[in-house]
Amino acid sequence: MEQVQTFLAMGGYGIFVWPAFALTAVILIGLLVTTLHRLHALQNDLSRLHDPRPAAAPAHMPEARP
């Protein structure tokens, strides 16, 4: 058990190392979540663009007549 405490203390620098480690982990997890969210949003946009069915015309735009 003392070996674990010695490791966590890191020669007196543990008070600086572990918060820096935790902050880095939080930032990296945030970047991962943001990236995955943006990926899914872009995939949805792309699938909508490739949809062969035409989208309904917005209500405020009249249909074009030949």
Protein backbone atom coordinates (compact mmCIF):
# COMPACT_ATOMS: atom_id res chain seq x y z
CA MET A 1 0.00 0.00 0.00
CA GLU A 2 2.89 2.32 0.73
CA GLN A 3 4.22 1.79 -2.79
CA VAL A 4 0.93 3.08 -4.21
CA GLN A 5 1.06 6.15 -1.98
CA THR A 6 4.66 6.78 -2.99
CA PHE A 7 3.71 6.48 -6.66
CA LEU A 8 0.74 8.84 -6.29
CA ALA A 9 2.89 11.37 -4.40
CA MET A 10 5.40 11.35 -7.29
CA GLY A 11 8.21 12.62 -5.14
CA GLY A 12 6.18 15.59 -3.92
CA TYR A 13 5.06 16.64 -7.40
CA GLY A 14 1.83 14.63 -7.40
CA ILE A 15 -0.11 17.73 -6.37
CA PHE A 16 0.83 19.24 -9.75
CA VAL A 17 0.89 16.12 -11.91
CA TRP A 18 -2.52 14.61 -11.13
CA PRO A 19 -4.62 17.78 -11.67
CA ALA A 20 -2.77 18.38 -14.96
CA PHE A 21 -3.44 14.79 -15.95
CA ALA A 22 -7.13 15.11 -15.05
CA LEU A 23 -7.51 18.39 -16.96
CA THR A 24 -5.86 16.87 -20.02
CA ALA A 25 -8.17 13.84 -19.84
CA VAL A 26 -11.26 16.08 -19.56
CA ILE A 27 -10.18 18.16 -22.57
CA LEU A 28 -9.44 15.09 -24.69
CA ILE A 29 -12.78 13.50 -23.81
CA GLY A 30 -14.53 16.78 -24.65
CA LEU A 31 -12.78 16.89 -28.02
CA LEU A 32 -13.79 13.29 -28.70
CA VAL A 33 -17.45 13.96 -27.84
CA THR A 34 -17.51 17.14 -29.94
CA THR A 35 -15.87 15.41 -32.89
CA LEU A 36 -18.27 12.46 -32.78
CA HIS A 37 -21.27 14.79 -32.51
CA ARG A 38 -20.08 16.79 -35.53
CA LEU A 39 -19.37 13.57 -37.47
CA HIS A 40 -22.93 12.32 -36.95
CA ALA A 41 -24.37 15.70 -37.92
CA LEU A 42 -22.32 15.77 -41.13
CA GLN A 43 -23.27 12.18 -41.95
CA ASN A 44 -26.94 13.11 -41.57
CA ASP A 45 -26.45 16.14 -43.85
CA LEU A 46 -24.69 13.99 -46.43
CA SER A 47 -27.39 11.31 -46.40
CA ARG A 48 -30.02 14.04 -46.85
CA LEU A 49 -28.11 15.38 -49.88
CA HIS A 50 -27.91 11.90 -51.42
CA ASP A 51 -31.60 11.17 -50.85
CA PRO A 52 -33.18 10.58 -54.29
CA ARG A 53 -36.56 11.96 -53.20
CA PRO A 54 -36.87 15.70 -53.78
CA ALA A 55 -37.39 17.76 -50.67
CA ALA A 56 -40.72 19.52 -50.27
CA ALA A 57 -40.63 23.14 -51.41
CA PRO A 58 -40.70 25.65 -48.56
CA ALA A 59 -44.12 27.18 -47.98
CA HIS A 60 -42.93 30.73 -48.65
CA MET A 61 -41.57 29.96 -52.14
CA PRO A 62 -44.07 29.58 -55.00
CA GLU A 63 -43.49 26.76 -57.46
CA ALA A 64 -41.72 27.68 -60.69
CA ARG A 65 -43.96 27.56 -63.77
CA PRO A 66 -42.60 26.74 -67.22
